C-alpha atoms as a PDB file:
ATOM      1  CA  MET A   1     -23.743 -39.832  22.947  1.00  0.00           C
ATOM      2  CA  LYS A   2     -26.133 -39.546  19.980  1.00  0.00           C
ATOM      3  CA  LYS A   3     -26.615 -35.814  20.727  1.00  0.00           C
ATOM      4  CA  ALA A   4     -22.848 -35.234  20.746  1.00  0.00           C
ATOM      5  CA  CYS A   5     -22.469 -36.990  17.361  1.00  0.00           C
ATOM      6  CA  PHE A   6     -25.383 -34.964  15.963  1.00  0.00           C
ATOM      7  CA  PHE A   7     -23.842 -31.653  17.058  1.00  0.00           C
ATOM      8  CA  LEU A   8     -20.452 -32.643  15.615  1.00  0.00           C
ATOM      9  CA  LEU A   9     -22.139 -33.501  12.310  1.00  0.00           C
ATOM     10  CA  ILE A  10     -23.994 -30.143  12.238  1.00  0.00           C
ATOM     11  CA  ALA A  11     -20.792 -28.269  13.102  1.00  0.00           C
ATOM     12  CA  ALA A  12     -18.953 -30.061  10.287  1.00  0.00           C
ATOM     13  CA  VAL A  13     -21.692 -29.237   7.772  1.00  0.00           C
ATOM     14  CA  PHE A  14     -21.776 -25.541   8.690  1.00  0.00           C
ATOM     15  CA  SER A  15     -18.009 -25.177   8.801  1.00  0.00           C
ATOM     16  CA  SER A  16     -17.713 -26.618   5.284  1.00  0.00           C
ATOM     17  CA  CYS A  17     -20.216 -24.139   3.826  1.00  0.00           C
ATOM     18  CA  LYS A  18     -18.813 -21.200   1.891  1.00  0.00           C
ATOM     19  CA  LYS A  19     -20.572 -17.866   1.759  1.00  0.00           C
ATOM     20  CA  SER A  20     -21.268 -16.624  -1.746  1.00  0.00           C
ATOM     21  CA  GLY A  21     -19.246 -13.567  -2.668  1.00  0.00           C
ATOM     22  CA  ASP A  22     -16.415 -14.731  -0.425  1.00  0.00           C
ATOM     23  CA  ASP A  23     -14.345 -16.206  -3.265  1.00  0.00           C
ATOM     24  CA  THR A  24     -11.241 -14.123  -2.581  1.00  0.00           C
ATOM     25  CA  ALA A  25     -11.094 -14.817   1.151  1.00  0.00           C
ATOM     26  CA  PRO A  26      -8.379 -17.501   1.103  1.00  0.00           C
ATOM     27  CA  SER A  27      -5.992 -15.434  -1.040  1.00  0.00           C
ATOM     28  CA  ALA A  28      -6.870 -12.190   0.693  1.00  0.00           C
ATOM     29  CA  GLU A  29      -6.255 -13.785   4.084  1.00  0.00           C
ATOM     30  CA  LEU A  30      -2.881 -15.137   2.948  1.00  0.00           C
ATOM     31  CA  LEU A  31      -1.857 -11.763   1.530  1.00  0.00           C
ATOM     32  CA  THR A  32      -2.944  -9.726   4.548  1.00  0.00           C
ATOM     33  CA  SER A  33      -1.593 -12.050   7.220  1.00  0.00           C
ATOM     34  CA  LYS A  34       2.081 -11.402   6.377  1.00  0.00           C
ATOM     35  CA  LYS A  35       4.585  -8.817   5.290  1.00  0.00           C
ATOM     36  CA  TRP A  36       6.183  -9.717   1.933  1.00  0.00           C
ATOM     37  CA  ARG A  37       9.821  -9.134   0.958  1.00  0.00           C
ATOM     38  CA  LEU A  38      11.106  -9.490  -2.606  1.00  0.00           C
ATOM     39  CA  SER A  39      13.464 -12.480  -2.747  1.00  0.00           C
ATOM     40  CA  ALA A  40      13.835 -12.989  -6.520  1.00  0.00           C
ATOM     41  CA  ASP A  41      13.230 -10.935  -9.659  1.00  0.00           C
ATOM     42  CA  ALA A  42      14.185 -12.248 -13.075  1.00  0.00           C
ATOM     43  CA  TYR A  43      12.998 -11.312 -16.519  1.00  0.00           C
ATOM     44  CA  THR A  44      13.333 -12.843 -19.961  1.00  0.00           C
ATOM     45  CA  ASP A  45      13.271 -10.666 -23.068  1.00  0.00           C
ATOM     46  CA  VAL A  46      12.408 -12.378 -26.343  1.00  0.00           C
ATOM     47  CA  ALA A  47      13.247 -10.483 -29.534  1.00  0.00           C
ATOM     48  CA  GLY A  48      13.696 -11.929 -32.997  1.00  0.00           C
ATOM     49  CA  GLY A  49      13.489 -15.462 -31.646  1.00  0.00           C
ATOM     50  CA  THR A  50      16.319 -14.900 -29.156  1.00  0.00           C
ATOM     51  CA  ALA A  51      15.680 -15.068 -25.412  1.00  0.00           C
ATOM     52  CA  THR A  52      17.837 -13.222 -22.896  1.00  0.00           C
ATOM     53  CA  THR A  53      17.306 -13.749 -19.162  1.00  0.00           C
ATOM     54  CA  THR A  54      18.435 -11.208 -16.589  1.00  0.00           C
ATOM     55  CA  ASN A  55      18.583 -11.596 -12.812  1.00  0.00           C
ATOM     56  CA  ALA A  56      17.246  -8.173 -11.820  1.00  0.00           C
ATOM     57  CA  TYR A  57      17.378  -9.027  -8.117  1.00  0.00           C
ATOM     58  CA  ALA A  58      21.168  -9.392  -8.310  1.00  0.00           C
ATOM     59  CA  THR A  59      21.449  -5.757  -9.419  1.00  0.00           C
ATOM     60  CA  LEU A  60      19.357  -4.361  -6.556  1.00  0.00           C
ATOM     61  CA  PRO A  61      21.305  -2.423  -3.924  1.00  0.00           C
ATOM     62  CA  ALA A  62      21.193  -3.811  -0.373  1.00  0.00           C
ATOM     63  CA  CYS A  63      18.952  -0.927   0.693  1.00  0.00           C
ATOM     64  CA  LYS A  64      16.217  -2.189  -1.695  1.00  0.00           C
ATOM     65  CA  ARG A  65      16.519  -5.852  -0.695  1.00  0.00           C
ATOM     66  CA  ASP A  66      15.069  -5.225   2.767  1.00  0.00           C
ATOM     67  CA  ASP A  67      11.966  -3.372   1.509  1.00  0.00           C
ATOM     68  CA  TYR A  68       8.627  -5.059   2.088  1.00  0.00           C
ATOM     69  CA  LEU A  69       4.957  -4.878   1.139  1.00  0.00           C
ATOM     70  CA  MET A  70       1.915  -5.011   3.399  1.00  0.00           C
ATOM     71  CA  PHE A  71      -1.417  -5.915   1.810  1.00  0.00           C
ATOM     72  CA  ASN A  72      -3.917  -4.523   4.299  1.00  0.00           C
ATOM     73  CA  ALA A  73      -7.397  -5.952   4.891  1.00  0.00           C
ATOM     74  CA  ASP A  74      -9.017  -2.643   3.837  1.00  0.00           C
ATOM     75  CA  LYS A  75      -7.427  -3.141   0.361  1.00  0.00           C
ATOM     76  CA  SER A  76      -4.788  -0.502   1.008  1.00  0.00           C
ATOM     77  CA  LEU A  77      -1.172  -1.324   0.199  1.00  0.00           C
ATOM     78  CA  THR A  78       1.885  -0.124   2.096  1.00  0.00           C
ATOM     79  CA  THR A  79       5.398  -0.330   0.689  1.00  0.00           C
ATOM     80  CA  ASP A  80       8.064   0.136   3.332  1.00  0.00           C
ATOM     81  CA  GLU A  81      11.745   0.984   2.802  1.00  0.00           C
ATOM     82  CA  GLY A  82      12.710  -1.434   5.571  1.00  0.00           C
ATOM     83  CA  PRO A  83      15.494  -0.853   8.086  1.00  0.00           C
ATOM     84  CA  THR A  84      18.093   0.207   5.483  1.00  0.00           C
ATOM     85  CA  ARG A  85      16.847   3.244   3.590  1.00  0.00           C
ATOM     86  CA  CYS A  86      18.330   4.194   0.235  1.00  0.00           C
ATOM     87  CA  SER A  87      17.612   7.878   0.810  1.00  0.00           C
ATOM     88  CA  THR A  88      16.607   9.752   3.928  1.00  0.00           C
ATOM     89  CA  THR A  89      14.939  12.402   1.757  1.00  0.00           C
ATOM     90  CA  LEU A  90      12.363   9.946   0.401  1.00  0.00           C
ATOM     91  CA  PRO A  91       9.456   8.745   2.562  1.00  0.00           C
ATOM     92  CA  GLN A  92       9.807   5.576   4.647  1.00  0.00           C
ATOM     93  CA  THR A  93       6.485   4.301   3.318  1.00  0.00           C
ATOM     94  CA  LEU A  94       4.306   4.734   0.251  1.00  0.00           C
ATOM     95  CA  THR A  95       0.649   3.858   0.080  1.00  0.00           C
ATOM     96  CA  GLY A  96      -1.645   2.537  -2.564  1.00  0.00           C
ATOM     97  CA  THR A  97      -4.353  -0.019  -3.207  1.00  0.00           C
ATOM     98  CA  TRP A  98      -4.568  -3.657  -4.217  1.00  0.00           C
ATOM     99  CA  SER A  99      -7.169  -6.103  -5.487  1.00  0.00           C
ATOM    100  CA  ILE A 100      -7.303  -9.738  -6.468  1.00  0.00           C
ATOM    101  CA  SER A 101      -9.614 -11.140  -9.140  1.00  0.00           C
ATOM    102  CA  ALA A 102     -12.575 -13.348  -8.221  1.00  0.00           C
ATOM    103  CA  ASP A 103     -10.768 -16.402  -9.601  1.00  0.00           C
ATOM    104  CA  GLN A 104      -7.665 -15.395  -7.578  1.00  0.00           C
ATOM    105  CA  ALA A 105      -5.499 -15.536 -10.701  1.00  0.00           C
ATOM    106  CA  LYS A 106      -4.735 -11.795 -11.120  1.00  0.00           C
ATOM    107  CA  LEU A 107      -3.341  -9.295  -8.637  1.00  0.00           C
ATOM    108  CA  THR A 108      -3.460  -5.570  -9.294  1.00  0.00           C
ATOM    109  CA  SER A 109      -1.650  -2.995  -7.209  1.00  0.00           C
ATOM    110  CA  HIS A 110      -1.405   0.767  -7.510  1.00  0.00           C
ATOM    111  CA  THR A 111       1.236   2.555  -5.480  1.00  0.00           C
ATOM    112  CA  VAL A 112       1.143   6.313  -5.073  1.00  0.00           C
ATOM    113  CA  GLY A 113       4.013   8.465  -3.850  1.00  0.00           C
ATOM    114  CA  TYR A 114       6.660  10.465  -5.646  1.00  0.00           C
ATOM    115  CA  SER A 115       5.533   8.524  -8.724  1.00  0.00           C
ATOM    116  CA  SER A 116       2.540   6.350  -9.553  1.00  0.00           C
ATOM    117  CA  PHE A 117       3.024   2.662 -10.330  1.00  0.00           C
ATOM    118  CA  ILE A 118       0.374   0.177 -11.426  1.00  0.00           C
ATOM    119  CA  LEU A 119       1.104  -3.541 -11.581  1.00  0.00           C
ATOM    120  CA  HIS A 120      -1.170  -6.118 -13.214  1.00  0.00           C
ATOM    121  CA  ALA A 121       0.250  -9.570 -12.521  1.00  0.00           C
ATOM    122  CA  ASP A 122      -0.679 -13.221 -12.802  1.00  0.00           C
ATOM    123  CA  VAL A 123      -0.598 -15.050  -9.480  1.00  0.00           C
ATOM    124  CA  VAL A 124       1.622 -18.072 -10.133  1.00  0.00           C
ATOM    125  CA  GLU A 125       1.789 -19.131  -6.480  1.00  0.00           C
ATOM    126  CA  LEU A 126       0.376 -17.879  -3.218  1.00  0.00           C
ATOM    127  CA  SER A 127       1.053 -19.834  -0.055  1.00  0.00           C
ATOM    128  CA  ALA A 128       1.724 -19.053   3.589  1.00  0.00           C
ATOM    129  CA  THR A 129       5.417 -18.585   2.747  1.00  0.00           C
ATOM    130  CA  ALA A 130       5.647 -17.453  -0.902  1.00  0.00           C
ATOM    131  CA  LEU A 131       4.025 -15.074  -3.371  1.00  0.00           C
ATOM    132  CA  HIS A 132       5.087 -15.547  -7.000  1.00  0.00           C
ATOM    133  CA  LEU A 133       3.820 -13.038  -9.562  1.00  0.00           C
ATOM    134  CA  ARG A 134       4.366 -12.906 -13.335  1.00  0.00           C
ATOM    135  CA  THR A 135       3.933 -10.065 -15.795  1.00  0.00           C
ATOM    136  CA  VAL A 136       4.159 -10.171 -19.576  1.00  0.00           C
ATOM    137  CA  THR A 137       4.836  -6.892 -21.356  1.00  0.00           C
ATOM    138  CA  ASN A 138       5.357  -5.962 -24.993  1.00  0.00           C
ATOM    139  CA  ILE A 139       8.290  -3.580 -25.282  1.00  0.00           C
ATOM    140  CA  TYR A 140       8.924  -1.462 -28.357  1.00  0.00           C
ATOM    141  CA  PRO A 141       9.831  -2.342 -31.053  1.00  0.00           C
ATOM    142  CA  ALA A 142       9.307  -6.123 -30.995  1.00  0.00           C
ATOM    143  CA  THR A 143      10.350  -7.490 -27.614  1.00  0.00           C
ATOM    144  CA  THR A 144       8.233  -9.449 -25.170  1.00  0.00           C
ATOM    145  CA  ARG A 145       9.328  -9.378 -21.531  1.00  0.00           C
ATOM    146  CA  THR A 146       8.188 -11.981 -19.023  1.00  0.00           C
ATOM    147  CA  GLU A 147       9.114 -11.012 -15.478  1.00  0.00           C
ATOM    148  CA  ASP A 148       8.818 -13.182 -12.404  1.00  0.00           C
ATOM    149  CA  PHE A 149       8.719 -11.621  -8.932  1.00  0.00           C
ATOM    150  CA  THR A 150       8.995 -13.880  -5.907  1.00  0.00           C
ATOM    151  CA  TYR A 151       8.210 -12.562  -2.443  1.00  0.00           C
ATOM    152  CA  THR A 152       8.903 -14.360   0.818  1.00  0.00           C
ATOM    153  CA  ALA A 153       6.622 -13.991   3.831  1.00  0.00           C
ATOM    154  CA  LEU A 154       8.214 -12.370   6.870  1.00  0.00           C
END
């Protein structure tokens, strides 16, 4: 009985150890274990002390609402048009790259296709079911836009 307790104690100690340099594993594992579909997109523009909020998701056509992202373990990113394509002349998928900061607070993605798109976002929430990103952008002449993207795991 003492040997069994000893082995359980050793197993508990080793399973609680974290390898150095493995700081992004929890977030990376959450990102790569699911496909992610945009479920909300709202932005607030502040200019001259006045804030205006817009529900950008409400303006998306149905063919964009079924698109999804796949964050792959090799740090590649796939964006997929989903079952309902907006145009049959555009590719079904686009590829790119992604990374998450060591403190797991910033996500960067770069998508390449018929255009190039780079996103630098704060990670507001990352769980097994939701990914919430926020960007803050200064828009000419004197407007600040804060945009919140919420993705739901599929």
